[in-house]
């Protein structure tokens, strides 16, 4: 396949810009008046990727520190990078429901490159949930499973929902606090086509899956979804399923 350019950028160059924009839209921000871009988050892996991407775009100097909540912060002050980001996305400010429009090249970018961009976005501000609950209407115990990208920005959620459907045929639902993938076939497609960045772990706030990689829990979810039974008469029955998963802390049930 030929390697066309968009605004002077090759597919490879657009992928790098896309990863940078994706990280800024999830766990970062830009002050275009002071020509600063900042990435925050506890994941060392994502900070390394943020710096590597900027280095590939010609930036060599960074300022790094940890804030009073022990969250890593990486900052770059560079006029050229700020103008480059603004050229493709306009704004990366998601707070206050600020209008967000994803870069137009996202809709034409090679799928393998777009998949990588989304993988970093979901790894930065996304999660995978696996638990059990009692289904009142069916009077059975079942699994709680979903993938979610946290965001309160309605514009960003709608853009990502459309992008997932158009490019990967993955249907996602818009919730108040995020974009959610919860149907069986959609989760399986997400696992196959996007997934999470290797070695990115579940938040330490999780009592169930703390220290497990997001991909590990996603694999557990897919394994369960491929099984024949999804509803069980007793909590004890469904808990037997989890005995095959390598975790010391078994999932606790909840009701709704």
Foldseek 3Di string as FASTA:
>chain_A
DDFDDDPRHTLVLVLLLLLLLLQCLAAWFADLVQQKIKGKAADPVLVVSNQVSVVVVPDDDWDWDADPVRIIMIMDRDNVSSVVNCVFWVGSDQPPLPATAHGPCLLVRDLLSNLASVQSNCLGQKAWDWFWEQDVVVLWIFIFTKIWGFGQRPNVLVNVQVSCCNRQVAHWDDDRGTIMGGDLVNLVSCLVRHHHDPPRADDCVDPWGGPHRRNLVSVLVNVVSPDDDGTHNDPVVVQVSCVPPPTPDGHDYYYD
